[in-house]
PDB file of N, CA and C in Angstrom:
ATOM      1  N   UNK A   1      -7.764 -17.907  -4.669  1.00  0.00           N
ATOM      2  CA  UNK A   1      -7.943 -17.106  -6.294  1.00  0.00           C
ATOM      3  C   UNK A   1      -7.941 -16.008  -6.434  1.00  0.00           C
ATOM      4  N   UNK A   2      -6.831 -16.007  -7.313  1.00  0.00           N
ATOM      5  CA  UNK A   2      -6.429 -14.353  -7.862  1.00  0.00           C
ATOM      6  C   UNK A   2      -7.727 -13.666  -8.314  1.00  0.00           C
ATOM      7  N   UNK A   3      -8.193 -12.221  -8.243  1.00  0.00           N
ATOM      8  CA  UNK A   3      -9.755 -11.823  -9.434  1.00  0.00           C
ATOM      9  C   UNK A   3      -8.368 -11.491 -10.922  1.00  0.00           C
ATOM     10  N   UNK A   4      -9.673 -11.084 -11.737  1.00  0.00           N
ATOM     11  CA  UNK A   4      -9.576 -10.913 -13.151  1.00  0.00           C
ATOM     12  C   UNK A   4      -8.550  -9.240 -12.540  1.00  0.00           C
ATOM     13  N   UNK A   5      -8.897  -8.339 -11.777  1.00  0.00           N
ATOM     14  CA  UNK A   5      -7.885  -7.336 -11.486  1.00  0.00           C
ATOM     15  C   UNK A   5      -6.739  -7.911 -10.859  1.00  0.00           C
ATOM     16  N   UNK A   6      -7.099  -8.330 -10.164  1.00  0.00           N
ATOM     17  CA  UNK A   6      -5.555  -8.555  -9.580  1.00  0.00           C
ATOM     18  C   UNK A   6      -4.651  -9.039 -10.304  1.00  0.00           C
ATOM     19  N   UNK A   7      -5.124  -9.912 -11.294  1.00  0.00           N
ATOM     20  CA  UNK A   7      -4.229 -10.972 -12.273  1.00  0.00           C
ATOM     21  C   UNK A   7      -3.579 -10.158 -13.152  1.00  0.00           C
ATOM     22  N   UNK A   8      -4.707  -9.039 -13.901  1.00  0.00           N
ATOM     23  CA  UNK A   8      -4.202  -7.914 -14.631  1.00  0.00           C
ATOM     24  C   UNK A   8      -3.159  -6.971 -14.272  1.00  0.00           C
ATOM     25  N   UNK A   9      -3.580  -6.171 -12.592  1.00  0.00           N
ATOM     26  CA  UNK A   9      -2.213  -5.640 -12.251  1.00  0.00           C
ATOM     27  C   UNK A   9      -0.897  -6.575 -12.017  1.00  0.00           C
ATOM     28  N   UNK A  10      -1.122  -7.673 -11.809  1.00  0.00           N
ATOM     29  CA  UNK A  10       0.600  -8.249 -11.728  1.00  0.00           C
ATOM     30  C   UNK A  10       0.986  -8.758 -13.149  1.00  0.00           C
ATOM     31  N   UNK A  11       0.463  -8.673 -14.240  1.00  0.00           N
ATOM     32  CA  UNK A  11       0.705  -9.066 -15.588  1.00  0.00           C
ATOM     33  C   UNK A  11       1.068  -7.159 -15.830  1.00  0.00           C
ATOM     34  N   UNK A  12       0.821  -6.292 -15.665  1.00  0.00           N
ATOM     35  CA  UNK A  12       0.984  -5.102 -15.781  1.00  0.00           C
ATOM     36  C   UNK A  12       2.448  -4.396 -14.899  1.00  0.00           C
ATOM     37  N   UNK A  13       2.944  -5.411 -13.866  1.00  0.00           N
ATOM     38  CA  UNK A  13       3.604  -4.456 -12.915  1.00  0.00           C
ATOM     39  C   UNK A  13       4.654  -5.615 -13.714  1.00  0.00           C
ATOM     40  N   UNK A  14       4.586  -6.834 -13.659  1.00  0.00           N
ATOM     41  CA  UNK A  14       5.895  -7.633 -14.521  1.00  0.00           C
ATOM     42  C   UNK A  14       6.567  -6.963 -16.114  1.00  0.00           C
ATOM     43  N   UNK A  15       5.572  -6.238 -16.499  1.00  0.00           N
ATOM     44  CA  UNK A  15       5.562  -5.930 -17.994  1.00  0.00           C
ATOM     45  C   UNK A  15       6.294  -4.278 -18.172  1.00  0.00           C
ATOM     46  N   UNK A  16       5.962  -3.808 -16.717  1.00  0.00           N
ATOM     47  CA  UNK A  16       6.766  -2.752 -16.700  1.00  0.00           C
ATOM     48  C   UNK A  16       8.549  -2.983 -15.929  1.00  0.00           C
ATOM     49  N   UNK A  17       8.618  -4.045 -15.614  1.00  0.00           N
ATOM     50  CA  UNK A  17       9.850  -4.849 -15.467  1.00  0.00           C
ATOM     51  C   UNK A  17      10.202  -5.495 -16.397  1.00  0.00           C
ATOM     52  N   UNK A  18      10.037  -5.005 -17.387  1.00  0.00           N
ATOM     53  CA  UNK A  18      10.350  -5.862 -18.960  1.00  0.00           C
ATOM     54  C   UNK A  18      10.373  -7.753 -18.533  1.00  0.00           C
ATOM     55  N   UNK A  19       9.347  -7.993 -18.074  1.00  0.00           N
ATOM     56  CA  UNK A  19       9.406  -9.680 -17.696  1.00  0.00           C
ATOM     57  C   UNK A  19       9.895 -10.313 -16.557  1.00  0.00           C
ATOM     58  N   UNK A  20      10.546  -9.188 -16.192  1.00  0.00           N
ATOM     59  CA  UNK A  20      12.076  -9.495 -15.195  1.00  0.00           C
ATOM     60  C   UNK A  20      10.831  -9.710 -13.523  1.00  0.00           C
ATOM     61  N   UNK A  21      10.673 -11.102 -13.645  1.00  0.00           N
ATOM     62  CA  UNK A  21      10.056 -11.528 -11.839  1.00  0.00           C
ATOM     63  C   UNK A  21      10.472 -10.964 -10.636  1.00  0.00           C
ATOM     64  N   UNK A  22      11.901 -10.513 -10.769  1.00  0.00           N
ATOM     65  CA  UNK A  22      12.823 -10.981  -9.451  1.00  0.00           C
ATOM     66  C   UNK A  22      12.534  -9.174  -9.332  1.00  0.00           C
ATOM     67  N   UNK A  23      12.407  -8.009 -10.923  1.00  0.00           N
ATOM     68  CA  UNK A  23      12.203  -7.100 -10.426  1.00  0.00           C
ATOM     69  C   UNK A  23      10.703  -6.561 -10.384  1.00  0.00           C
ATOM     70  N   UNK A  24       9.891  -7.270 -10.449  1.00  0.00           N
ATOM     71  CA  UNK A  24       8.745  -6.859 -10.186  1.00  0.00           C
ATOM     72  C   UNK A  24       8.636  -7.093  -8.572  1.00  0.00           C
ATOM     73  N   UNK A  25       8.965  -8.670  -8.014  1.00  0.00           N
ATOM     74  CA  UNK A  25       8.995  -8.653  -6.835  1.00  0.00           C
ATOM     75  C   UNK A  25       9.878  -7.336  -6.164  1.00  0.00           C
ATOM     76  N   UNK A  26      10.736  -6.982  -6.331  1.00  0.00           N
ATOM     77  CA  UNK A  26      11.588  -6.105  -5.597  1.00  0.00           C
ATOM     78  C   UNK A  26      11.102  -4.735  -5.719  1.00  0.00           C
ATOM     79  N   UNK A  27      10.129  -3.960  -6.803  1.00  0.00           N
ATOM     80  CA  UNK A  27       9.723  -3.025  -6.590  1.00  0.00           C
ATOM     81  C   UNK A  27       8.281  -3.243  -5.916  1.00  0.00           C
ATOM     82  N   UNK A  28       7.546  -4.515  -5.983  1.00  0.00           N
ATOM     83  CA  UNK A  28       6.586  -4.641  -5.086  1.00  0.00           C
ATOM     84  C   UNK A  28       7.175  -4.019  -4.059  1.00  0.00           C
ATOM     85  N   UNK A  29       7.854  -4.850  -3.147  1.00  0.00           N
ATOM     86  CA  UNK A  29       8.801  -5.389  -2.031  1.00  0.00           C
ATOM     87  C   UNK A  29       9.222  -3.269  -1.429  1.00  0.00           C
ATOM     88  N   UNK A  30       9.409  -2.658  -2.445  1.00  0.00           N
ATOM     89  CA  UNK A  30      10.090  -1.278  -1.673  1.00  0.00           C
ATOM     90  C   UNK A  30       8.057  -0.415  -1.958  1.00  0.00           C
ATOM     91  N   UNK A  31       7.430  -0.534  -2.782  1.00  0.00           N
ATOM     92  CA  UNK A  31       6.422  -0.310  -2.873  1.00  0.00           C
ATOM     93  C   UNK A  31       5.609  -0.232  -0.840  1.00  0.00           C
ATOM     94  N   UNK A  32       6.087  -1.511  -0.819  1.00  0.00           N
ATOM     95  CA  UNK A  32       4.826  -2.216   0.130  1.00  0.00           C
ATOM     96  C   UNK A  32       5.424  -1.324   1.174  1.00  0.00           C
ATOM     97  N   UNK A  33       7.068  -1.100   1.531  1.00  0.00           N
ATOM     98  CA  UNK A  33       7.957  -0.991   2.922  1.00  0.00           C
ATOM     99  C   UNK A  33       7.765   0.421   3.012  1.00  0.00           C
ATOM    100  N   UNK A  34       7.353   1.812   1.715  1.00  0.00           N
ATOM    101  CA  UNK A  34       7.262   2.889   1.243  1.00  0.00           C
ATOM    102  C   UNK A  34       5.522   2.790   2.075  1.00  0.00           C
ATOM    103  N   UNK A  35       4.977   2.110   1.972  1.00  0.00           N
ATOM    104  CA  UNK A  35       3.021   2.241   2.712  1.00  0.00           C
ATOM    105  C   UNK A  35       3.588   1.693   4.239  1.00  0.00           C
ATOM    106  N   UNK A  36       3.879   0.910   4.256  1.00  0.00           N
ATOM    107  CA  UNK A  36       4.034   0.855   6.020  1.00  0.00           C
ATOM    108  C   UNK A  36       4.292   1.973   6.894  1.00  0.00           C
ATOM    109  N   UNK A  37       5.641   2.698   6.038  1.00  0.00           N
ATOM    110  CA  UNK A  37       6.320   3.829   6.645  1.00  0.00           C
ATOM    111  C   UNK A  37       5.238   4.878   6.689  1.00  0.00           C
ATOM    112  N   UNK A  38       4.812   5.350   5.696  1.00  0.00           N
ATOM    113  CA  UNK A  38       3.555   5.933   5.614  1.00  0.00           C
ATOM    114  C   UNK A  38       2.012   5.475   7.012  1.00  0.00           C
ATOM    115  N   UNK A  39       1.788   4.317   7.059  1.00  0.00           N
ATOM    116  CA  UNK A  39       1.385   4.234   7.984  1.00  0.00           C
ATOM    117  C   UNK A  39       1.353   4.115   9.285  1.00  0.00           C
ATOM    118  N   UNK A  40       2.731   3.999   9.445  1.00  0.00           N
ATOM    119  CA  UNK A  40       3.677   4.643  10.654  1.00  0.00           C
ATOM    120  C   UNK A  40       3.521   5.742  11.168  1.00  0.00           C
ATOM    121  N   UNK A  41       3.937   6.585   9.980  1.00  0.00           N
ATOM    122  CA  UNK A  41       3.329   8.354  10.441  1.00  0.00           C
ATOM    123  C   UNK A  41       2.258   8.553  10.571  1.00  0.00           C
ATOM    124  N   UNK A  42       1.456   7.654  10.039  1.00  0.00           N
ATOM    125  CA  UNK A  42      -0.417   8.267  10.028  1.00  0.00           C
ATOM    126  C   UNK A  42      -0.587   7.639  11.710  1.00  0.00           C
ATOM    127  N   UNK A  43      -0.106   6.702  12.146  1.00  0.00           N
ATOM    128  CA  UNK A  43      -0.668   6.258  13.391  1.00  0.00           C
ATOM    129  C   UNK A  43       0.209   7.333  14.353  1.00  0.00           C
ATOM    130  N   UNK A  44       1.098   7.721  14.054  1.00  0.00           N
ATOM    131  CA  UNK A  44       1.870   8.739  15.008  1.00  0.00           C
ATOM    132  C   UNK A  44       1.134   9.807  15.441  1.00  0.00           C
ATOM    133  N   UNK A  45       0.806  10.134  14.086  1.00  0.00           N
ATOM    134  CA  UNK A  45       0.099  11.246  13.953  1.00  0.00           C
ATOM    135  C   UNK A  45      -1.138  11.553  14.865  1.00  0.00           C
ATOM    136  N   UNK A  46      -1.828  10.394  15.025  1.00  0.00           N
ATOM    137  CA  UNK A  46      -3.443   9.828  15.458  1.00  0.00           C
ATOM    138  C   UNK A  46      -2.922  10.230  16.614  1.00  0.00           C
ATOM    139  N   UNK A  47      -1.976   8.958  17.209  1.00  0.00           N
ATOM    140  CA  UNK A  47      -1.795   8.903  18.489  1.00  0.00           C
ATOM    141  C   UNK A  47      -1.339  10.338  19.232  1.00  0.00           C
ATOM    142  N   UNK A  48      -0.511  11.189  18.460  1.00  0.00           N
ATOM    143  CA  UNK A  48      -0.302  12.569  19.406  1.00  0.00           C
ATOM    144  C   UNK A  48      -1.658  13.508  19.184  1.00  0.00           C
ATOM    145  N   UNK A  49      -2.472  12.911  18.734  1.00  0.00           N
ATOM    146  CA  UNK A  49      -3.673  14.020  18.149  1.00  0.00           C
ATOM    147  C   UNK A  49      -4.511  14.063  19.408  1.00  0.00           C
ATOM    148  N   UNK A  50      -3.986  12.968  20.093  1.00  0.00           N
ATOM    149  CA  UNK A  50      -4.993  12.833  21.462  1.00  0.00           C
ATOM    150  C   UNK A  50      -6.314  11.684  21.240  1.00  0.00           C
ATOM    151  N   UNK A  51      -6.699  11.995  22.173  1.00  0.00           N
ATOM    152  CA  UNK A  51      -8.565  10.567  21.995  1.00  0.00           C
ATOM    153  C   UNK A  51      -9.324  10.907  20.667  1.00  0.00           C
ATOM    154  N   UNK A  52     -10.044  10.700  19.939  1.00  0.00           N
ATOM    155  CA  UNK A  52     -10.564  11.024  18.902  1.00  0.00           C
ATOM    156  C   UNK A  52     -12.420  11.419  19.809  1.00  0.00           C
ATOM    157  N   UNK A  53     -12.543  12.926  19.260  1.00  0.00           N
ATOM    158  CA  UNK A  53     -14.010  13.439  19.549  1.00  0.00           C
ATOM    159  C   UNK A  53     -14.993  13.592  19.159  1.00  0.00           C
ATOM    160  N   UNK A  54     -16.099  13.121  19.305  1.00  0.00           N
ATOM    161  CA  UNK A  54     -17.288  13.187  18.709  1.00  0.00           C
ATOM    162  C   UNK A  54     -18.150  13.711  19.097  1.00  0.00           C
ATOM    163  N   UNK A  55     -18.471  13.864  17.886  1.00  0.00           N
ATOM    164  CA  UNK A  55     -19.809  15.083  17.598  1.00  0.00           C
ATOM    165  C   UNK A  55     -20.898  14.757  17.098  1.00  0.00           C
ATOM    166  N   UNK A  56     -22.091  15.569  17.484  1.00  0.00           N
ATOM    167  CA  UNK A  56     -23.099  14.703  17.382  1.00  0.00           C
ATOM    168  C   UNK A  56     -23.290  16.200  16.204  1.00  0.00           C
ATOM    169  N   UNK A  57     -24.395  15.219  14.772  1.00  0.00           N
ATOM    170  CA  UNK A  57     -24.892  15.529  13.831  1.00  0.00           C
ATOM    171  C   UNK A  57     -26.423  16.172  13.996  1.00  0.00           C
ATOM    172  N   UNK A  58     -26.810  16.973  14.190  1.00  0.00           N
ATOM    173  CA  UNK A  58     -27.860  17.589  14.418  1.00  0.00           C
ATOM    174  C   UNK A  58     -28.870  18.286  13.437  1.00  0.00           C
TER     175      UNK A  58
END
């Protein structure tokens, strides 16, 4: 079951698309695609940076 916050976000997205459910789904898919692209870019940067370096805190 979706939380109250999730329900409110869904309603806001649908309203932003003038009640057009297809438009709301398309917008969400485009945002998801954009976020996936960003995530892949971050993974690529992390791989190029090499293994993590650990520091001790004194």
